N, C-alpha and C. Protein backbone atom coordinates (compact mmCIF):
# COMPACT_ATOMS: atom_id res chain seq x y z
N MET A 1 -20.35 24.97 -2.84
CA MET A 1 -19.67 24.23 -1.78
C MET A 1 -19.90 22.72 -1.98
N LEU A 2 -18.86 21.95 -1.80
CA LEU A 2 -18.96 20.50 -1.98
C LEU A 2 -19.47 19.85 -0.71
N SER A 3 -20.29 18.82 -0.88
CA SER A 3 -20.76 18.05 0.27
C SER A 3 -19.61 17.20 0.80
N PRO A 4 -19.70 16.71 2.08
CA PRO A 4 -18.62 15.87 2.61
C PRO A 4 -18.35 14.65 1.73
N GLY A 5 -19.40 14.04 1.19
CA GLY A 5 -19.21 12.87 0.32
C GLY A 5 -18.45 13.22 -0.94
N ASN A 6 -18.78 14.38 -1.55
CA ASN A 6 -18.08 14.81 -2.76
C ASN A 6 -16.64 15.20 -2.45
N LEU A 7 -16.40 15.81 -1.29
CA LEU A 7 -15.04 16.14 -0.89
C LEU A 7 -14.20 14.87 -0.75
N LEU A 8 -14.76 13.86 -0.09
CA LEU A 8 -14.05 12.59 0.09
C LEU A 8 -13.78 11.94 -1.26
N ARG A 9 -14.80 11.93 -2.12
CA ARG A 9 -14.64 11.34 -3.44
C ARG A 9 -13.55 12.05 -4.22
N LYS A 10 -13.56 13.39 -4.15
CA LYS A 10 -12.55 14.18 -4.87
C LYS A 10 -11.15 13.91 -4.32
N ALA A 11 -11.04 13.69 -3.01
CA ALA A 11 -9.73 13.42 -2.40
C ALA A 11 -9.24 12.02 -2.72
N VAL A 12 -10.14 11.04 -2.78
CA VAL A 12 -9.77 9.64 -2.97
C VAL A 12 -9.50 9.32 -4.45
N ALA A 13 -10.20 9.97 -5.36
CA ALA A 13 -10.10 9.65 -6.79
C ALA A 13 -8.67 9.68 -7.32
N PRO A 14 -7.86 10.72 -7.02
CA PRO A 14 -6.48 10.70 -7.55
C PRO A 14 -5.64 9.55 -6.99
N LEU A 15 -5.92 9.17 -5.76
CA LEU A 15 -5.16 8.08 -5.15
C LEU A 15 -5.44 6.75 -5.84
N LEU A 16 -6.62 6.61 -6.39
CA LEU A 16 -7.01 5.34 -7.02
C LEU A 16 -7.05 5.46 -8.54
N SER A 17 -6.39 6.47 -9.09
CA SER A 17 -6.45 6.71 -10.53
C SER A 17 -5.81 5.60 -11.36
N PHE A 18 -5.02 4.75 -10.72
CA PHE A 18 -4.37 3.65 -11.43
C PHE A 18 -5.34 2.51 -11.72
N LEU A 19 -6.52 2.55 -11.13
CA LEU A 19 -7.48 1.46 -11.31
C LEU A 19 -8.05 1.47 -12.71
N PRO A 20 -8.42 0.30 -13.22
CA PRO A 20 -8.98 0.23 -14.57
C PRO A 20 -10.25 1.07 -14.68
N GLY A 21 -10.60 1.47 -15.90
CA GLY A 21 -11.75 2.33 -16.12
C GLY A 21 -13.10 1.65 -16.05
N THR A 22 -13.17 0.37 -15.78
CA THR A 22 -14.44 -0.32 -15.72
C THR A 22 -15.08 -0.12 -14.35
N GLU A 23 -16.41 -0.21 -14.32
CA GLU A 23 -17.17 -0.10 -13.07
C GLU A 23 -16.90 -1.36 -12.26
N LYS A 24 -16.08 -1.24 -11.26
CA LYS A 24 -15.68 -2.38 -10.46
C LYS A 24 -15.55 -1.94 -9.02
N GLY A 25 -15.74 -2.86 -8.12
CA GLY A 25 -15.62 -2.53 -6.72
C GLY A 25 -14.28 -2.95 -6.15
N TYR A 26 -13.81 -2.17 -5.19
CA TYR A 26 -12.57 -2.45 -4.50
C TYR A 26 -12.78 -2.27 -3.01
N LEU A 27 -12.17 -3.12 -2.24
CA LEU A 27 -12.22 -3.03 -0.80
C LEU A 27 -10.88 -2.48 -0.33
N SER A 28 -10.91 -1.34 0.31
CA SER A 28 -9.70 -0.72 0.83
C SER A 28 -9.65 -1.00 2.34
N LEU A 29 -8.53 -1.56 2.79
CA LEU A 29 -8.36 -1.89 4.20
C LEU A 29 -7.20 -1.10 4.79
N ASP A 30 -7.46 -0.51 5.95
CA ASP A 30 -6.42 0.16 6.72
C ASP A 30 -6.31 -0.62 8.02
N ILE A 31 -5.30 -1.46 8.11
CA ILE A 31 -5.10 -2.29 9.30
C ILE A 31 -4.14 -1.54 10.21
N GLY A 32 -4.70 -0.94 11.26
CA GLY A 32 -3.90 -0.15 12.19
C GLY A 32 -3.63 -0.91 13.46
N SER A 33 -2.93 -0.26 14.38
CA SER A 33 -2.55 -0.93 15.63
C SER A 33 -3.73 -1.17 16.55
N SER A 34 -4.84 -0.43 16.38
CA SER A 34 -5.98 -0.62 17.27
C SER A 34 -7.27 -0.99 16.56
N SER A 35 -7.30 -0.88 15.23
CA SER A 35 -8.54 -1.18 14.51
C SER A 35 -8.27 -1.48 13.04
N VAL A 36 -9.30 -2.07 12.42
CA VAL A 36 -9.30 -2.28 10.97
C VAL A 36 -10.37 -1.36 10.43
N LYS A 37 -9.99 -0.50 9.49
CA LYS A 37 -10.95 0.39 8.84
C LYS A 37 -11.14 -0.10 7.42
N MET A 38 -12.41 -0.10 6.99
CA MET A 38 -12.76 -0.65 5.69
C MET A 38 -13.54 0.39 4.90
N LEU A 39 -13.25 0.46 3.62
CA LEU A 39 -13.98 1.32 2.71
C LEU A 39 -14.17 0.55 1.41
N GLU A 40 -15.41 0.37 1.00
CA GLU A 40 -15.68 -0.27 -0.28
C GLU A 40 -16.10 0.81 -1.26
N VAL A 41 -15.41 0.85 -2.41
CA VAL A 41 -15.72 1.84 -3.43
C VAL A 41 -16.08 1.13 -4.72
N ARG A 42 -16.88 1.81 -5.50
CA ARG A 42 -17.31 1.26 -6.78
C ARG A 42 -17.32 2.40 -7.79
N GLY A 43 -16.97 2.11 -9.02
CA GLY A 43 -17.02 3.11 -10.07
C GLY A 43 -15.70 3.24 -10.80
N GLU A 44 -15.65 4.23 -11.67
CA GLU A 44 -14.44 4.54 -12.41
C GLU A 44 -13.61 5.53 -11.61
N SER A 45 -12.34 5.66 -11.95
CA SER A 45 -11.42 6.47 -11.14
C SER A 45 -11.90 7.91 -10.95
N GLU A 46 -12.58 8.50 -11.94
CA GLU A 46 -13.05 9.88 -11.81
C GLU A 46 -14.39 9.98 -11.09
N SER A 47 -15.10 8.89 -10.94
CA SER A 47 -16.44 8.96 -10.34
C SER A 47 -16.66 7.80 -9.36
N LEU A 48 -15.79 7.69 -8.40
CA LEU A 48 -15.92 6.64 -7.39
C LEU A 48 -17.06 6.95 -6.44
N ARG A 49 -17.75 5.90 -6.05
CA ARG A 49 -18.81 6.02 -5.04
C ARG A 49 -18.43 5.14 -3.86
N ILE A 50 -18.61 5.67 -2.69
CA ILE A 50 -18.40 4.87 -1.48
C ILE A 50 -19.70 4.11 -1.23
N VAL A 51 -19.60 2.79 -1.22
CA VAL A 51 -20.81 1.98 -1.02
C VAL A 51 -20.85 1.36 0.37
N ASN A 52 -19.73 1.27 1.04
CA ASN A 52 -19.68 0.72 2.40
C ASN A 52 -18.49 1.30 3.15
N ALA A 53 -18.66 1.45 4.44
CA ALA A 53 -17.55 1.89 5.30
C ALA A 53 -17.78 1.28 6.67
N GLY A 54 -16.69 0.93 7.33
CA GLY A 54 -16.84 0.36 8.67
C GLY A 54 -15.51 0.34 9.40
N ILE A 55 -15.61 0.08 10.69
CA ILE A 55 -14.43 0.00 11.54
C ILE A 55 -14.65 -1.10 12.56
N ALA A 56 -13.60 -1.85 12.84
CA ALA A 56 -13.66 -2.93 13.84
C ALA A 56 -12.43 -2.80 14.74
N GLN A 57 -12.63 -2.87 16.02
CA GLN A 57 -11.54 -2.77 16.99
C GLN A 57 -10.72 -4.06 17.00
N LEU A 58 -9.45 -3.93 17.33
CA LEU A 58 -8.54 -5.07 17.45
C LEU A 58 -8.07 -5.19 18.89
N PRO A 59 -7.73 -6.41 19.32
CA PRO A 59 -7.13 -6.56 20.66
C PRO A 59 -5.82 -5.78 20.75
N ALA A 60 -5.44 -5.41 21.95
CA ALA A 60 -4.27 -4.56 22.18
C ALA A 60 -2.98 -5.12 21.57
N ASN A 61 -2.77 -6.42 21.57
CA ASN A 61 -1.49 -6.99 21.09
C ASN A 61 -1.58 -7.54 19.67
N ALA A 62 -2.64 -7.25 18.94
CA ALA A 62 -2.80 -7.84 17.61
C ALA A 62 -1.67 -7.44 16.67
N ILE A 63 -1.22 -6.20 16.78
CA ILE A 63 -0.14 -5.73 15.93
C ILE A 63 0.93 -5.12 16.82
N GLN A 64 2.15 -5.64 16.66
CA GLN A 64 3.28 -5.13 17.43
C GLN A 64 4.47 -4.98 16.50
N GLY A 65 5.15 -3.86 16.60
CA GLY A 65 6.32 -3.64 15.75
C GLY A 65 6.00 -3.68 14.28
N ASN A 66 4.80 -3.20 13.90
CA ASN A 66 4.32 -3.16 12.51
C ASN A 66 4.09 -4.53 11.90
N ILE A 67 4.09 -5.58 12.72
CA ILE A 67 3.83 -6.93 12.24
C ILE A 67 2.56 -7.44 12.91
N ILE A 68 1.69 -8.08 12.13
CA ILE A 68 0.48 -8.66 12.69
C ILE A 68 0.90 -9.90 13.47
N GLN A 69 0.75 -9.84 14.78
CA GLN A 69 1.10 -10.95 15.66
C GLN A 69 -0.07 -11.91 15.84
N ASP A 70 -1.29 -11.35 15.87
CA ASP A 70 -2.50 -12.15 16.08
C ASP A 70 -3.29 -12.16 14.77
N VAL A 71 -2.84 -12.98 13.84
CA VAL A 71 -3.47 -13.05 12.51
C VAL A 71 -4.94 -13.43 12.63
N GLU A 72 -5.26 -14.32 13.55
CA GLU A 72 -6.64 -14.78 13.72
C GLU A 72 -7.58 -13.62 14.08
N SER A 73 -7.17 -12.75 14.98
CA SER A 73 -8.01 -11.61 15.37
C SER A 73 -8.22 -10.63 14.22
N VAL A 74 -7.15 -10.37 13.48
CA VAL A 74 -7.26 -9.45 12.35
C VAL A 74 -8.13 -10.06 11.26
N THR A 75 -7.93 -11.34 10.98
CA THR A 75 -8.75 -12.04 10.00
C THR A 75 -10.21 -12.00 10.40
N HIS A 76 -10.50 -12.26 11.67
CA HIS A 76 -11.88 -12.22 12.18
C HIS A 76 -12.48 -10.83 12.01
N ALA A 77 -11.72 -9.79 12.31
CA ALA A 77 -12.23 -8.42 12.18
C ALA A 77 -12.57 -8.10 10.72
N ILE A 78 -11.71 -8.51 9.79
CA ILE A 78 -11.97 -8.27 8.37
C ILE A 78 -13.21 -9.03 7.93
N ARG A 79 -13.32 -10.31 8.32
CA ARG A 79 -14.49 -11.11 7.95
C ARG A 79 -15.77 -10.51 8.49
N MET A 80 -15.75 -10.05 9.73
CA MET A 80 -16.95 -9.47 10.34
C MET A 80 -17.35 -8.17 9.64
N LEU A 81 -16.37 -7.33 9.31
CA LEU A 81 -16.68 -6.11 8.57
C LEU A 81 -17.33 -6.44 7.22
N ALA A 82 -16.74 -7.39 6.50
CA ALA A 82 -17.26 -7.77 5.19
C ALA A 82 -18.67 -8.35 5.30
N ALA A 83 -18.90 -9.19 6.29
CA ALA A 83 -20.21 -9.81 6.47
C ALA A 83 -21.25 -8.78 6.93
N ASN A 84 -20.92 -7.99 7.93
CA ASN A 84 -21.87 -7.01 8.48
C ASN A 84 -22.27 -5.95 7.47
N HIS A 85 -21.37 -5.61 6.56
CA HIS A 85 -21.66 -4.57 5.57
C HIS A 85 -21.99 -5.15 4.20
N LYS A 86 -22.13 -6.48 4.13
CA LYS A 86 -22.49 -7.16 2.88
C LYS A 86 -21.59 -6.72 1.71
N VAL A 87 -20.29 -6.79 1.95
CA VAL A 87 -19.30 -6.40 0.95
C VAL A 87 -19.35 -7.37 -0.22
N LYS A 88 -19.37 -6.82 -1.43
CA LYS A 88 -19.41 -7.65 -2.63
C LYS A 88 -18.06 -7.71 -3.34
N SER A 89 -17.22 -6.72 -3.10
CA SER A 89 -15.92 -6.64 -3.79
C SER A 89 -14.97 -7.70 -3.23
N SER A 90 -14.18 -8.27 -4.13
CA SER A 90 -13.19 -9.26 -3.69
C SER A 90 -11.76 -8.78 -3.91
N ASP A 91 -11.60 -7.71 -4.69
CA ASP A 91 -10.26 -7.14 -4.89
C ASP A 91 -9.97 -6.20 -3.72
N VAL A 92 -8.79 -6.36 -3.12
CA VAL A 92 -8.44 -5.61 -1.92
C VAL A 92 -7.24 -4.72 -2.19
N ILE A 93 -7.34 -3.50 -1.67
CA ILE A 93 -6.22 -2.57 -1.69
C ILE A 93 -5.86 -2.32 -0.23
N ALA A 94 -4.61 -2.51 0.11
CA ALA A 94 -4.15 -2.28 1.48
C ALA A 94 -2.75 -1.67 1.42
N ALA A 95 -2.35 -1.11 2.53
CA ALA A 95 -1.02 -0.49 2.60
C ALA A 95 -0.31 -0.97 3.85
N ILE A 96 0.99 -0.89 3.79
CA ILE A 96 1.84 -1.20 4.94
C ILE A 96 1.99 0.10 5.74
N PRO A 97 1.98 0.03 7.07
CA PRO A 97 2.14 1.26 7.86
C PRO A 97 3.43 1.99 7.52
N GLY A 98 3.35 3.31 7.48
CA GLY A 98 4.49 4.16 7.12
C GLY A 98 5.78 3.84 7.85
N PRO A 99 5.75 3.65 9.18
CA PRO A 99 7.01 3.37 9.88
C PRO A 99 7.69 2.07 9.46
N ALA A 100 6.95 1.16 8.81
CA ALA A 100 7.53 -0.11 8.37
C ALA A 100 8.18 -0.01 7.00
N VAL A 101 8.02 1.12 6.34
CA VAL A 101 8.52 1.30 4.98
C VAL A 101 9.83 2.10 5.02
N ILE A 102 10.83 1.59 4.32
CA ILE A 102 12.11 2.28 4.19
C ILE A 102 12.10 3.00 2.85
N ILE A 103 12.26 4.31 2.88
CA ILE A 103 12.25 5.10 1.65
C ILE A 103 13.55 5.90 1.59
N LYS A 104 14.29 5.75 0.51
CA LYS A 104 15.55 6.47 0.32
C LYS A 104 15.60 7.02 -1.10
N ARG A 105 16.15 8.21 -1.20
CA ARG A 105 16.38 8.81 -2.51
C ARG A 105 17.86 8.63 -2.84
N ALA A 106 18.14 8.24 -4.06
CA ALA A 106 19.52 7.99 -4.47
C ALA A 106 19.76 8.58 -5.85
N THR A 107 21.00 8.82 -6.15
CA THR A 107 21.39 9.35 -7.46
C THR A 107 22.34 8.35 -8.11
N PHE A 108 22.09 8.08 -9.40
CA PHE A 108 22.91 7.15 -10.16
C PHE A 108 23.29 7.79 -11.49
N PRO A 109 24.37 7.31 -12.11
CA PRO A 109 24.73 7.84 -13.43
C PRO A 109 23.67 7.47 -14.47
N VAL A 110 23.46 8.35 -15.42
CA VAL A 110 22.51 8.07 -16.51
C VAL A 110 23.05 6.88 -17.31
N GLN A 111 22.18 5.89 -17.55
CA GLN A 111 22.54 4.68 -18.29
C GLN A 111 21.32 4.23 -19.08
N ASN A 112 21.51 3.25 -19.94
CA ASN A 112 20.33 2.70 -20.62
C ASN A 112 19.49 1.99 -19.56
N PRO A 113 18.20 1.78 -19.80
CA PRO A 113 17.30 1.23 -18.77
C PRO A 113 17.75 -0.09 -18.16
N THR A 114 18.29 -1.00 -18.97
CA THR A 114 18.72 -2.30 -18.43
C THR A 114 19.92 -2.14 -17.50
N GLU A 115 20.89 -1.38 -17.92
CA GLU A 115 22.07 -1.15 -17.07
C GLU A 115 21.70 -0.39 -15.80
N LEU A 116 20.78 0.58 -15.93
CA LEU A 116 20.36 1.35 -14.76
C LEU A 116 19.68 0.44 -13.74
N GLU A 117 18.82 -0.45 -14.21
CA GLU A 117 18.17 -1.38 -13.29
C GLU A 117 19.19 -2.26 -12.58
N GLU A 118 20.16 -2.78 -13.31
CA GLU A 118 21.20 -3.61 -12.70
C GLU A 118 22.00 -2.82 -11.66
N THR A 119 22.32 -1.57 -11.97
CA THR A 119 23.06 -0.71 -11.04
C THR A 119 22.24 -0.45 -9.79
N ILE A 120 20.98 -0.12 -9.97
CA ILE A 120 20.10 0.16 -8.83
C ILE A 120 20.03 -1.06 -7.92
N LEU A 121 19.78 -2.22 -8.48
CA LEU A 121 19.65 -3.44 -7.66
C LEU A 121 20.97 -3.80 -6.98
N PHE A 122 22.09 -3.55 -7.67
CA PHE A 122 23.40 -3.84 -7.09
C PHE A 122 23.73 -2.86 -5.96
N GLU A 123 23.42 -1.59 -6.14
CA GLU A 123 23.78 -0.55 -5.18
C GLU A 123 22.74 -0.35 -4.07
N ALA A 124 21.56 -0.92 -4.21
CA ALA A 124 20.49 -0.68 -3.23
C ALA A 124 20.91 -1.04 -1.81
N GLY A 125 21.75 -2.04 -1.66
CA GLY A 125 22.22 -2.45 -0.34
C GLY A 125 22.98 -1.36 0.39
N ASN A 126 23.53 -0.41 -0.34
CA ASN A 126 24.23 0.72 0.28
C ASN A 126 23.27 1.76 0.85
N PHE A 127 22.01 1.71 0.43
CA PHE A 127 21.02 2.71 0.85
C PHE A 127 19.99 2.15 1.82
N ILE A 128 19.73 0.84 1.74
CA ILE A 128 18.69 0.21 2.55
C ILE A 128 19.37 -0.43 3.76
N PRO A 129 18.96 -0.05 4.99
CA PRO A 129 19.63 -0.56 6.19
C PRO A 129 19.16 -1.95 6.61
N GLU A 130 18.85 -2.79 5.68
CA GLU A 130 18.43 -4.17 5.91
C GLU A 130 19.10 -5.02 4.84
N SER A 131 19.27 -6.29 5.12
CA SER A 131 19.76 -7.19 4.10
C SER A 131 18.72 -7.25 2.98
N LEU A 132 19.16 -7.14 1.74
CA LEU A 132 18.22 -7.16 0.62
C LEU A 132 17.50 -8.50 0.50
N GLU A 133 18.05 -9.54 1.11
CA GLU A 133 17.37 -10.85 1.11
C GLU A 133 16.13 -10.82 2.00
N ASN A 134 16.08 -9.88 2.95
CA ASN A 134 14.98 -9.83 3.91
C ASN A 134 13.91 -8.81 3.55
N VAL A 135 14.05 -8.13 2.40
CA VAL A 135 13.08 -7.09 2.05
C VAL A 135 12.54 -7.31 0.64
N ASN A 136 11.37 -6.75 0.41
CA ASN A 136 10.86 -6.59 -0.94
C ASN A 136 11.27 -5.18 -1.35
N LEU A 137 11.92 -5.06 -2.47
CA LEU A 137 12.48 -3.80 -2.92
C LEU A 137 11.82 -3.38 -4.22
N ASP A 138 11.52 -2.09 -4.32
CA ASP A 138 11.04 -1.54 -5.57
C ASP A 138 11.67 -0.16 -5.73
N TYR A 139 11.57 0.39 -6.90
CA TYR A 139 12.14 1.71 -7.14
C TYR A 139 11.32 2.44 -8.19
N GLN A 140 11.44 3.75 -8.17
CA GLN A 140 10.81 4.60 -9.18
C GLN A 140 11.85 5.60 -9.64
N ILE A 141 12.03 5.69 -10.93
CA ILE A 141 12.96 6.68 -11.48
C ILE A 141 12.24 8.02 -11.49
N LEU A 142 12.81 8.99 -10.79
CA LEU A 142 12.19 10.30 -10.65
C LEU A 142 12.55 11.23 -11.81
N GLY A 143 13.67 10.97 -12.44
CA GLY A 143 14.06 11.77 -13.59
C GLY A 143 15.45 12.34 -13.43
N SER A 144 15.85 13.10 -14.44
CA SER A 144 17.15 13.76 -14.42
C SER A 144 17.00 15.11 -15.10
N THR A 145 17.95 15.97 -14.85
CA THR A 145 17.93 17.26 -15.51
C THR A 145 18.66 17.14 -16.85
N ALA A 146 18.36 18.05 -17.75
CA ALA A 146 18.93 17.99 -19.10
C ALA A 146 20.44 18.13 -19.08
N ASP A 147 20.96 18.92 -18.16
CA ASP A 147 22.40 19.15 -18.13
C ASP A 147 23.14 18.24 -17.15
N SER A 148 22.43 17.27 -16.61
CA SER A 148 23.03 16.39 -15.62
C SER A 148 23.32 15.01 -16.20
N ASN A 149 24.35 14.39 -15.70
CA ASN A 149 24.65 13.01 -16.09
C ASN A 149 24.17 12.04 -15.02
N GLU A 150 23.23 12.50 -14.19
CA GLU A 150 22.72 11.68 -13.09
C GLU A 150 21.20 11.58 -13.17
N VAL A 151 20.70 10.51 -12.58
CA VAL A 151 19.26 10.28 -12.51
C VAL A 151 18.89 10.07 -11.05
N ASP A 152 17.79 10.70 -10.63
CA ASP A 152 17.29 10.53 -9.26
C ASP A 152 16.36 9.32 -9.22
N VAL A 153 16.54 8.51 -8.17
CA VAL A 153 15.75 7.28 -8.02
C VAL A 153 15.21 7.22 -6.60
N LEU A 154 13.96 6.85 -6.46
CA LEU A 154 13.35 6.63 -5.16
C LEU A 154 13.33 5.13 -4.89
N LEU A 155 14.03 4.70 -3.83
CA LEU A 155 14.07 3.29 -3.44
C LEU A 155 13.08 3.08 -2.31
N VAL A 156 12.31 2.00 -2.38
CA VAL A 156 11.33 1.66 -1.35
C VAL A 156 11.50 0.20 -0.99
N ALA A 157 11.60 -0.06 0.31
CA ALA A 157 11.78 -1.44 0.78
C ALA A 157 10.92 -1.67 2.01
N VAL A 158 10.41 -2.90 2.13
CA VAL A 158 9.66 -3.33 3.31
C VAL A 158 10.11 -4.74 3.64
N ARG A 159 10.32 -4.98 4.92
CA ARG A 159 10.73 -6.33 5.34
C ARG A 159 9.67 -7.34 4.92
N LYS A 160 10.13 -8.49 4.47
CA LYS A 160 9.22 -9.54 4.00
C LYS A 160 8.30 -10.04 5.10
N ASP A 161 8.79 -10.12 6.35
CA ASP A 161 7.93 -10.60 7.43
C ASP A 161 6.77 -9.65 7.69
N VAL A 162 6.97 -8.36 7.48
CA VAL A 162 5.89 -7.38 7.64
C VAL A 162 4.84 -7.61 6.56
N ILE A 163 5.29 -7.66 5.30
CA ILE A 163 4.36 -7.86 4.19
C ILE A 163 3.61 -9.18 4.34
N ASN A 164 4.35 -10.24 4.66
CA ASN A 164 3.72 -11.56 4.79
C ASN A 164 2.65 -11.60 5.86
N SER A 165 2.85 -10.86 6.96
CA SER A 165 1.84 -10.87 8.03
C SER A 165 0.54 -10.21 7.55
N TYR A 166 0.64 -9.15 6.78
CA TYR A 166 -0.56 -8.47 6.26
C TYR A 166 -1.23 -9.32 5.19
N VAL A 167 -0.43 -9.89 4.30
CA VAL A 167 -0.98 -10.74 3.24
C VAL A 167 -1.69 -11.95 3.84
N ALA A 168 -1.11 -12.55 4.87
CA ALA A 168 -1.72 -13.73 5.51
C ALA A 168 -3.08 -13.38 6.09
N ALA A 169 -3.18 -12.28 6.81
CA ALA A 169 -4.46 -11.90 7.42
C ALA A 169 -5.52 -11.60 6.38
N ILE A 170 -5.14 -10.85 5.35
CA ILE A 170 -6.09 -10.49 4.30
C ILE A 170 -6.50 -11.72 3.50
N SER A 171 -5.55 -12.57 3.15
CA SER A 171 -5.86 -13.79 2.37
C SER A 171 -6.75 -14.73 3.15
N ASP A 172 -6.46 -14.91 4.45
CA ASP A 172 -7.29 -15.78 5.28
C ASP A 172 -8.71 -15.28 5.39
N ALA A 173 -8.85 -13.95 5.41
CA ALA A 173 -10.20 -13.36 5.54
C ALA A 173 -10.97 -13.56 4.25
């Protein structure tokens, strides 16, 4: 039977498998509507160790509509967590709340990679219910079947004001 720490490590390792293989620390922040949760990990992707964990409450109006409204309060919470837990890592991993992310699956004709990228960027406005000027857009090609002339693509977009509010709070901290 695995201990709770080993279970957590086993669950987190695949999520962070993109990290370089060197022994390095990362600070993971979950900025929610009522609190900031922090997890500092160190190690290689297959053998991560949790070295710090903490939570700090936020004022009721700090985050509204998935945008950080009170950057100062969130920045203060992050700074206090880092100071109280003597965090050494300076690289931060954070995510945007799920409801703020627009995810759409689309199908496009099979093309060479350059043409496919141009088609995706040109057609993305038909799938994303926001002006493309107001969002950061990315995509992942999911693949195609051997007998198909189409390729499946996952489009992901987040409004720039949402991203900027999180980046501002984390950078200030």
